[in-house]
């Protein structure tokens, strides 16, 4: 019984360790970079120095690439969260249910054996006092 509980605990712990290790992304950093690039674009468009259109095209493509990466990483976050819920609800929940079923079966068996022991004690006591006088 302790082995099954330990295995369930380790599986849950490993799930959260995997989540911490694999769910790292650059969304916040990329959002800041998109904001900074947008400010640069506004400044370049306002100044309109020589060759500004090429710089605008370069920064625009960089911004679009960063925004696509942000969308992909946000979708990955959703996938990771859904995968965790699946593992918690299906895999670990089934193991937990099996553990609970085993626990209830063992408890009911022990309670039945105890109740039978109590009945035998009362029967034995009844037989022992059967021949005793009333007065």
C-alpha atoms as a PDB file:
ATOM      1  CA  UNK A   1       0.000   0.000   0.000  1.00  0.00           C
ATOM      2  CA  UNK A   2       2.761   2.452   0.849  1.00  0.00           C
ATOM      3  CA  UNK A   3       4.464   1.668  -2.464  1.00  0.00           C
ATOM      4  CA  UNK A   4       1.342   2.647  -4.428  1.00  0.00           C
ATOM      5  CA  UNK A   5       0.965   5.896  -2.482  1.00  0.00           C
ATOM      6  CA  UNK A   6       4.634   6.654  -3.016  1.00  0.00           C
ATOM      7  CA  UNK A   7       4.349   5.956  -6.748  1.00  0.00           C
ATOM      8  CA  UNK A   8       1.328   8.250  -7.028  1.00  0.00           C
ATOM      9  CA  UNK A   9       3.157  11.012  -5.158  1.00  0.00           C
ATOM     10  CA  UNK A  10       6.273  10.626  -7.337  1.00  0.00           C
ATOM     11  CA  UNK A  11       4.207  10.647 -10.544  1.00  0.00           C
ATOM     12  CA  UNK A  12       2.482  13.875  -9.471  1.00  0.00           C
ATOM     13  CA  UNK A  13       5.765  15.465  -8.439  1.00  0.00           C
ATOM     14  CA  UNK A  14       7.365  14.479 -11.747  1.00  0.00           C
ATOM     15  CA  UNK A  15       4.429  15.991 -13.622  1.00  0.00           C
ATOM     16  CA  UNK A  16       5.027  19.379 -11.998  1.00  0.00           C
ATOM     17  CA  UNK A  17       8.793  19.128 -12.503  1.00  0.00           C
ATOM     18  CA  UNK A  18       8.207  18.433 -16.210  1.00  0.00           C
ATOM     19  CA  UNK A  19       5.838  21.394 -16.361  1.00  0.00           C
ATOM     20  CA  UNK A  20       8.409  23.735 -14.819  1.00  0.00           C
ATOM     21  CA  UNK A  21      11.148  22.473 -17.115  1.00  0.00           C
ATOM     22  CA  UNK A  22       9.195  22.395 -20.381  1.00  0.00           C
ATOM     23  CA  UNK A  23       6.846  25.372 -20.056  1.00  0.00           C
ATOM     24  CA  UNK A  24       9.519  28.057 -20.232  1.00  0.00           C
ATOM     25  CA  UNK A  25       8.798  30.539 -23.008  1.00  0.00           C
ATOM     26  CA  UNK A  26       9.832  34.013 -24.134  1.00  0.00           C
ATOM     27  CA  UNK A  27       6.389  35.636 -24.456  1.00  0.00           C
ATOM     28  CA  UNK A  28       7.009  38.517 -22.053  1.00  0.00           C
ATOM     29  CA  UNK A  29      10.410  39.300 -23.540  1.00  0.00           C
ATOM     30  CA  UNK A  30       9.007  39.184 -27.067  1.00  0.00           C
ATOM     31  CA  UNK A  31       6.106  41.477 -26.135  1.00  0.00           C
ATOM     32  CA  UNK A  32       8.572  44.036 -24.799  1.00  0.00           C
ATOM     33  CA  UNK A  33      10.642  43.711 -27.962  1.00  0.00           C
ATOM     34  CA  UNK A  34       7.554  44.235 -30.150  1.00  0.00           C
ATOM     35  CA  UNK A  35       6.673  47.369 -28.150  1.00  0.00           C
ATOM     36  CA  UNK A  36      10.231  48.696 -28.477  1.00  0.00           C
ATOM     37  CA  UNK A  37      10.295  47.949 -32.201  1.00  0.00           C
ATOM     38  CA  UNK A  38       6.940  49.698 -32.655  1.00  0.00           C
ATOM     39  CA  UNK A  39       8.326  52.805 -30.958  1.00  0.00           C
ATOM     40  CA  UNK A  40      11.383  52.674 -33.235  1.00  0.00           C
ATOM     41  CA  UNK A  41       9.100  52.349 -36.262  1.00  0.00           C
ATOM     42  CA  UNK A  42       7.120  55.413 -35.217  1.00  0.00           C
ATOM     43  CA  UNK A  43      10.343  57.377 -34.743  1.00  0.00           C
ATOM     44  CA  UNK A  44      11.761  56.314 -38.130  1.00  0.00           C
ATOM     45  CA  UNK A  45       8.505  57.122 -39.928  1.00  0.00           C
ATOM     46  CA  UNK A  46       8.377  60.538 -38.281  1.00  0.00           C
ATOM     47  CA  UNK A  47      12.021  61.375 -39.104  1.00  0.00           C
ATOM     48  CA  UNK A  48      11.992  59.949 -42.659  1.00  0.00           C
ATOM     49  CA  UNK A  49      15.759  60.022 -42.988  1.00  0.00           C
ATOM     50  CA  UNK A  50      17.540  58.605 -46.012  1.00  0.00           C
ATOM     51  CA  UNK A  51      16.838  54.869 -46.455  1.00  0.00           C
ATOM     52  CA  UNK A  52      14.041  54.911 -43.878  1.00  0.00           C
ATOM     53  CA  UNK A  53      11.705  52.708 -45.958  1.00  0.00           C
ATOM     54  CA  UNK A  54      14.166  49.804 -45.903  1.00  0.00           C
ATOM     55  CA  UNK A  55      14.552  50.161 -42.147  1.00  0.00           C
ATOM     56  CA  UNK A  56      10.757  50.227 -41.743  1.00  0.00           C
ATOM     57  CA  UNK A  57      10.406  47.062 -43.849  1.00  0.00           C
ATOM     58  CA  UNK A  58      13.103  45.317 -41.815  1.00  0.00           C
ATOM     59  CA  UNK A  59      11.546  46.292 -38.476  1.00  0.00           C
ATOM     60  CA  UNK A  60       8.042  45.432 -39.700  1.00  0.00           C
ATOM     61  CA  UNK A  61       9.106  41.934 -40.737  1.00  0.00           C
ATOM     62  CA  UNK A  62      10.900  41.512 -37.396  1.00  0.00           C
ATOM     63  CA  UNK A  63       7.736  42.583 -35.548  1.00  0.00           C
ATOM     64  CA  UNK A  64       5.579  40.188 -37.566  1.00  0.00           C
ATOM     65  CA  UNK A  65       7.974  37.331 -36.870  1.00  0.00           C
ATOM     66  CA  UNK A  66       7.972  38.135 -33.135  1.00  0.00           C
ATOM     67  CA  UNK A  67       4.168  38.309 -33.065  1.00  0.00           C
ATOM     68  CA  UNK A  68       3.930  34.942 -34.836  1.00  0.00           C
ATOM     69  CA  UNK A  69       6.327  33.479 -32.269  1.00  0.00           C
ATOM     70  CA  UNK A  70       4.219  34.942 -29.446  1.00  0.00           C
ATOM     71  CA  UNK A  71       1.070  33.333 -30.876  1.00  0.00           C
ATOM     72  CA  UNK A  72       2.841  29.979 -31.261  1.00  0.00           C
ATOM     73  CA  UNK A  73       4.167  30.086 -27.687  1.00  0.00           C
ATOM     74  CA  UNK A  74       0.768  31.069 -26.279  1.00  0.00           C
ATOM     75  CA  UNK A  75      -0.765  28.124 -28.157  1.00  0.00           C
ATOM     76  CA  UNK A  76       1.970  25.930 -26.692  1.00  0.00           C
ATOM     77  CA  UNK A  77       1.021  27.145 -23.196  1.00  0.00           C
ATOM     78  CA  UNK A  78      -2.572  26.075 -23.831  1.00  0.00           C
ATOM     79  CA  UNK A  79      -1.404  22.678 -25.109  1.00  0.00           C
ATOM     80  CA  UNK A  80       0.838  22.155 -22.067  1.00  0.00           C
ATOM     81  CA  UNK A  81      -2.004  23.081 -19.715  1.00  0.00           C
ATOM     82  CA  UNK A  82      -4.399  20.712 -21.510  1.00  0.00           C
ATOM     83  CA  UNK A  83      -1.804  17.919 -21.383  1.00  0.00           C
ATOM     84  CA  UNK A  84      -1.323  18.440 -17.645  1.00  0.00           C
ATOM     85  CA  UNK A  85      -5.073  18.326 -17.022  1.00  0.00           C
ATOM     86  CA  UNK A  86      -5.306  15.160 -19.099  1.00  0.00           C
ATOM     87  CA  UNK A  87      -2.559  13.488 -17.102  1.00  0.00           C
ATOM     88  CA  UNK A  88      -4.030  14.641 -13.785  1.00  0.00           C
ATOM     89  CA  UNK A  89      -7.598  13.662 -14.651  1.00  0.00           C
ATOM     90  CA  UNK A  90      -7.060  10.449 -16.589  1.00  0.00           C
ATOM     91  CA  UNK A  91      -3.750   8.863 -15.678  1.00  0.00           C
ATOM     92  CA  UNK A  92      -3.210   9.907 -12.072  1.00  0.00           C
ATOM     93  CA  UNK A  93      -6.925   9.964 -11.240  1.00  0.00           C
ATOM     94  CA  UNK A  94      -7.289   6.332 -12.363  1.00  0.00           C
ATOM     95  CA  UNK A  95      -4.287   5.328 -10.262  1.00  0.00           C
ATOM     96  CA  UNK A  96      -5.740   7.235  -7.314  1.00  0.00           C
ATOM     97  CA  UNK A  97      -9.098   5.492  -7.787  1.00  0.00           C
ATOM     98  CA  UNK A  98      -7.393   2.111  -7.886  1.00  0.00           C
ATOM     99  CA  UNK A  99      -5.549   3.004  -4.697  1.00  0.00           C
ATOM    100  CA  UNK A 100      -8.794   4.104  -3.014  1.00  0.00           C
ATOM    101  CA  UNK A 101     -10.600   0.953  -4.156  1.00  0.00           C
ATOM    102  CA  UNK A 102      -7.842  -1.211  -2.693  1.00  0.00           C
ATOM    103  CA  UNK A 103      -7.925   0.820   0.533  1.00  0.00           C
ATOM    104  CA  UNK A 104     -11.709   0.483   0.917  1.00  0.00           C
ATOM    105  CA  UNK A 105     -11.568  -3.257   0.187  1.00  0.00           C
ATOM    106  CA  UNK A 106      -8.855  -3.779   2.778  1.00  0.00           C
ATOM    107  CA  UNK A 107     -10.692  -1.621   5.337  1.00  0.00           C
ATOM    108  CA  UNK A 108     -13.988  -3.464   4.816  1.00  0.00           C
ATOM    109  CA  UNK A 109     -12.239  -6.844   5.163  1.00  0.00           C
ATOM    110  CA  UNK A 110     -10.576  -5.780   8.422  1.00  0.00           C
ATOM    111  CA  UNK A 111     -13.863  -4.374   9.764  1.00  0.00           C
ATOM    112  CA  UNK A 112     -15.709  -7.604   8.874  1.00  0.00           C
ATOM    113  CA  UNK A 113     -13.030  -9.697  10.614  1.00  0.00           C
ATOM    114  CA  UNK A 114     -13.251  -7.451  13.682  1.00  0.00           C
ATOM    115  CA  UNK A 115     -17.056  -7.686  13.730  1.00  0.00           C
ATOM    116  CA  UNK A 116     -16.873 -11.494  13.478  1.00  0.00           C
ATOM    117  CA  UNK A 117     -14.387 -11.512  16.363  1.00  0.00           C
ATOM    118  CA  UNK A 118     -16.758  -9.411  18.473  1.00  0.00           C
ATOM    119  CA  UNK A 119     -19.646 -11.780  17.680  1.00  0.00           C
ATOM    120  CA  UNK A 120     -17.523 -14.794  18.691  1.00  0.00           C
ATOM    121  CA  UNK A 121     -16.615 -13.046  21.962  1.00  0.00           C
ATOM    122  CA  UNK A 122     -20.298 -12.369  22.761  1.00  0.00           C
ATOM    123  CA  UNK A 123     -21.239 -15.955  21.907  1.00  0.00           C
ATOM    124  CA  UNK A 124     -18.417 -17.242  24.121  1.00  0.00           C
ATOM    125  CA  UNK A 125     -19.494 -14.958  26.953  1.00  0.00           C
ATOM    126  CA  UNK A 126     -23.123 -16.062  26.554  1.00  0.00           C
ATOM    127  CA  UNK A 127     -22.100 -19.725  26.727  1.00  0.00           C
ATOM    128  CA  UNK A 128     -19.907 -19.062  29.784  1.00  0.00           C
ATOM    129  CA  UNK A 129     -22.679 -17.398  31.777  1.00  0.00           C
ATOM    130  CA  UNK A 130     -25.454 -19.757  30.647  1.00  0.00           C
ATOM    131  CA  UNK A 131     -24.989 -22.153  33.543  1.00  0.00           C
ATOM    132  CA  UNK A 132     -24.683 -19.475  36.224  1.00  0.00           C
ATOM    133  CA  UNK A 133     -27.396 -19.326  38.888  1.00  0.00           C
ATOM    134  CA  UNK A 134     -29.879 -16.427  38.980  1.00  0.00           C
ATOM    135  CA  UNK A 135     -29.795 -16.034  42.721  1.00  0.00           C
END
